[in-house]
C-alpha atoms as a PDB file:
ATOM      1  CA  MET A   1     110.048 154.042  70.600  1.00  0.00           C
ATOM      2  CA  SER A   2     112.535 154.706  67.938  1.00  0.00           C
ATOM      3  CA  ASP A   3     113.107 154.048  64.128  1.00  0.00           C
ATOM      4  CA  THR A   4     116.373 153.505  64.362  1.00  0.00           C
ATOM      5  CA  LYS A   5     117.973 150.937  61.781  1.00  0.00           C
ATOM      6  CA  ILE A   6     121.710 149.654  62.843  1.00  0.00           C
ATOM      7  CA  TYR A   7     123.828 148.940  59.199  1.00  0.00           C
ATOM      8  CA  ARG A   8     126.939 146.932  58.882  1.00  0.00           C
ATOM      9  CA  VAL A   9     129.370 148.791  56.284  1.00  0.00           C
ATOM     10  CA  ALA A  10     131.805 146.622  55.186  1.00  0.00           C
ATOM     11  CA  PRO A  11     135.698 148.955  54.958  1.00  0.00           C
ATOM     12  CA  ARG A  12     136.209 150.616  51.579  1.00  0.00           C
ATOM     13  CA  GLU A  13     139.169 148.707  50.340  1.00  0.00           C
ATOM     14  CA  GLN A  14     136.726 145.685  50.235  1.00  0.00           C
ATOM     15  CA  ASP A  15     134.541 144.916  47.992  1.00  0.00           C
ATOM     16  CA  ILE A  16     131.174 143.812  49.692  1.00  0.00           C
ATOM     17  CA  SER A  17     130.567 141.317  46.741  1.00  0.00           C
ATOM     18  CA  SER A  18     133.414 139.132  48.023  1.00  0.00           C
ATOM     19  CA  PRO A  19     132.671 135.638  48.710  1.00  0.00           C
ATOM     20  CA  HIS A  20     135.879 136.385  50.995  1.00  0.00           C
ATOM     21  CA  LEU A  21     133.946 138.972  53.100  1.00  0.00           C
ATOM     22  CA  LEU A  22     131.389 136.108  53.607  1.00  0.00           C
ATOM     23  CA  SER A  23     133.938 134.290  55.683  1.00  0.00           C
ATOM     24  CA  ARG A  24     134.742 137.126  58.110  1.00  0.00           C
ATOM     25  CA  PHE A  25     131.446 136.614  59.735  1.00  0.00           C
ATOM     26  CA  ILE A  26     130.876 133.244  60.936  1.00  0.00           C
ATOM     27  CA  THR A  27     127.515 132.990  62.168  1.00  0.00           C
ATOM     28  CA  PRO A  28     126.006 129.199  63.268  1.00  0.00           C
ATOM     29  CA  SER A  29     123.397 128.548  60.919  1.00  0.00           C
ATOM     30  CA  ILE A  30     127.115 129.244  58.560  1.00  0.00           C
ATOM     31  CA  LYS A  31     128.454 126.754  60.670  1.00  0.00           C
ATOM     32  CA  LEU A  32     125.422 124.607  61.105  1.00  0.00           C
ATOM     33  CA  PHE A  33     125.712 124.182  56.884  1.00  0.00           C
ATOM     34  CA  CYS A  34     129.031 122.942  56.943  1.00  0.00           C
ATOM     35  CA  GLN A  35     128.691 120.855  59.822  1.00  0.00           C
ATOM     36  CA  VAL A  36     125.265 119.195  57.364  1.00  0.00           C
ATOM     37  CA  LEU A  37     127.464 119.436  54.553  1.00  0.00           C
ATOM     38  CA  VAL A  38     130.826 117.628  56.332  1.00  0.00           C
ATOM     39  CA  GLU A  39     128.322 115.007  58.021  1.00  0.00           C
ATOM     40  CA  THR A  40     127.392 114.557  54.735  1.00  0.00           C
ATOM     41  CA  GLY A  41     130.048 113.661  52.523  1.00  0.00           C
ATOM     42  CA  GLY A  42     131.388 110.967  55.540  1.00  0.00           C
ATOM     43  CA  GLY A  43     133.632 113.321  57.479  1.00  0.00           C
ATOM     44  CA  VAL A  44     133.437 114.353  61.280  1.00  0.00           C
ATOM     45  CA  PHE A  45     133.062 118.500  61.140  1.00  0.00           C
ATOM     46  CA  ALA A  46     135.785 120.077  63.189  1.00  0.00           C
ATOM     47  CA  GLY A  47     135.251 123.988  62.917  1.00  0.00           C
ATOM     48  CA  ILE A  48     135.368 127.103  61.246  1.00  0.00           C
ATOM     49  CA  PHE A  49     138.969 128.116  61.146  1.00  0.00           C
ATOM     50  CA  PRO A  50     138.414 131.964  60.612  1.00  0.00           C
ATOM     51  CA  PRO A  51     140.578 133.907  58.331  1.00  0.00           C
ATOM     52  CA  ILE A  52     143.919 135.359  59.187  1.00  0.00           C
ATOM     53  CA  GLY A  53     146.807 137.196  58.512  1.00  0.00           C
ATOM     54  CA  ASN A  54     147.102 137.146  54.650  1.00  0.00           C
ATOM     55  CA  ARG A  55     144.200 134.446  53.854  1.00  0.00           C
ATOM     56  CA  SER A  56     141.460 136.079  53.443  1.00  0.00           C
ATOM     57  CA  GLU A  57     139.261 133.404  53.587  1.00  0.00           C
ATOM     58  CA  ALA A  58     137.736 130.984  55.919  1.00  0.00           C
ATOM     59  CA  LEU A  59     138.506 127.023  56.206  1.00  0.00           C
ATOM     60  CA  VAL A  60     136.364 124.614  56.996  1.00  0.00           C
ATOM     61  CA  LEU A  61     137.717 121.641  58.627  1.00  0.00           C
ATOM     62  CA  TRP A  62     136.550 118.106  59.540  1.00  0.00           C
ATOM     63  CA  THR A  63     138.814 114.749  60.124  1.00  0.00           C
ATOM     64  CA  SER A  64     138.323 110.914  58.400  1.00  0.00           C
ATOM     65  CA  ARG A  65     136.116 108.920  60.112  1.00  0.00           C
ATOM     66  CA  LYS A  66     138.694 106.178  59.499  1.00  0.00           C
ATOM     67  CA  THR A  67     142.011 107.217  59.505  1.00  0.00           C
ATOM     68  CA  GLY A  68     141.066 110.130  61.757  1.00  0.00           C
ATOM     69  CA  THR A  69     142.945 112.197  59.062  1.00  0.00           C
ATOM     70  CA  ALA A  70     142.640 116.082  59.524  1.00  0.00           C
ATOM     71  CA  LEU A  71     141.995 118.175  56.306  1.00  0.00           C
ATOM     72  CA  GLY A  72     140.166 121.194  55.366  1.00  0.00           C
ATOM     73  CA  CYS A  73     139.058 123.213  52.208  1.00  0.00           C
ATOM     74  CA  LEU A  74     137.739 126.739  51.763  1.00  0.00           C
ATOM     75  CA  LEU A  75     134.910 128.127  52.748  1.00  0.00           C
ATOM     76  CA  SER A  76     133.380 128.930  49.374  1.00  0.00           C
ATOM     77  CA  GLN A  77     134.270 125.145  47.995  1.00  0.00           C
ATOM     78  CA  LEU A  78     132.677 123.139  50.827  1.00  0.00           C
ATOM     79  CA  SER A  79     130.272 120.444  49.249  1.00  0.00           C
ATOM     80  CA  ALA A  80     129.348 117.611  50.288  1.00  0.00           C
ATOM     81  CA  GLU A  81     131.131 115.601  47.033  1.00  0.00           C
ATOM     82  CA  LEU A  82     134.255 117.433  47.536  1.00  0.00           C
ATOM     83  CA  VAL A  83     134.873 115.982  51.502  1.00  0.00           C
ATOM     84  CA  ARG A  84     133.397 112.996  49.551  1.00  0.00           C
ATOM     85  CA  LYS A  85     136.046 112.901  47.346  1.00  0.00           C
ATOM     86  CA  LYS A  86     138.828 114.267  49.693  1.00  0.00           C
ATOM     87  CA  LEU A  87     138.178 111.844  52.352  1.00  0.00           C
ATOM     88  CA  HIS A  88     138.526 108.613  49.397  1.00  0.00           C
ATOM     89  CA  ASP A  89     142.256 110.100  48.625  1.00  0.00           C
ATOM     90  CA  SER A  90     143.237 110.972  52.205  1.00  0.00           C
ATOM     91  CA  ASP A  91     141.927 107.299  53.208  1.00  0.00           C
ATOM     92  CA  SER A  92     142.988 104.972  50.285  1.00  0.00           C
ATOM     93  CA  LEU A  93     146.716 107.243  50.754  1.00  0.00           C
ATOM     94  CA  PHE A  94     147.071 106.433  54.449  1.00  0.00           C
ATOM     95  CA  GLU A  95     146.388 102.790  53.666  1.00  0.00           C
ATOM     96  CA  ALA A  96     149.143 102.824  51.183  1.00  0.00           C
ATOM     97  CA  GLU A  97     151.538 103.666  53.552  1.00  0.00           C
ATOM     98  CA  GLN A  98     150.536 101.695  56.773  1.00  0.00           C
ATOM     99  CA  GLU A  99     150.705  98.588  53.699  1.00  0.00           C
ATOM    100  CA  LYS A 100     154.495  99.721  53.247  1.00  0.00           C
ATOM    101  CA  SER A 101     155.850 100.657  56.792  1.00  0.00           C
ATOM    102  CA  ALA A 102     158.175  98.861  57.812  1.00  0.00           C
ATOM    103  CA  ILE A 103     156.785  99.109  61.271  1.00  0.00           C
ATOM    104  CA  PRO A 104     154.870  96.467  61.976  1.00  0.00           C
ATOM    105  CA  ALA A 105     152.112  96.845  64.371  1.00  0.00           C
ATOM    106  CA  ALA A 106     151.485  95.146  67.687  1.00  0.00           C
ATOM    107  CA  LYS A 107     148.202  92.867  67.923  1.00  0.00           C
ATOM    108  CA  GLY A 108     145.481  95.255  68.683  1.00  0.00           C
ATOM    109  CA  GLU A 109     147.902  97.953  67.772  1.00  0.00           C
ATOM    110  CA  THR A 110     147.443 100.738  65.200  1.00  0.00           C
ATOM    111  CA  VAL A 111     150.087 102.863  63.116  1.00  0.00           C
ATOM    112  CA  ARG A 112     148.923 106.348  62.415  1.00  0.00           C
ATOM    113  CA  PHE A 113     150.990 108.653  59.535  1.00  0.00           C
ATOM    114  CA  VAL A 114     150.031 112.206  59.340  1.00  0.00           C
ATOM    115  CA  VAL A 115     149.205 112.403  55.356  1.00  0.00           C
ATOM    116  CA  PHE A 116     147.985 115.731  53.795  1.00  0.00           C
ATOM    117  CA  VAL A 117     145.871 115.596  50.465  1.00  0.00           C
ATOM    118  CA  VAL A 118     146.781 119.155  48.591  1.00  0.00           C
END
């Protein structure tokens, strides 16, 4: 039996201490951790969008249980408190826009708006 060890080495142009490098390697345990944080904050976990192009960090995505609005944040910024705050802001804005709407909803029908909270 061989005592060969395999090591993963980051490309030279990247600093391995960078939190952005971590998001390039999304493991099942990182995905589960993100799901727990999102659900603890009150959201519905939608997934992790990997880094592409000039964006060097993955995005964690979730939806509002109340309005169905899609929200997200950078992997390094994710916390249950952030999820809770973004959901509150988004739901409040959604309700305000729905009240101002000139389009009345028919009985039992829901009027949906696309709301972006940055």
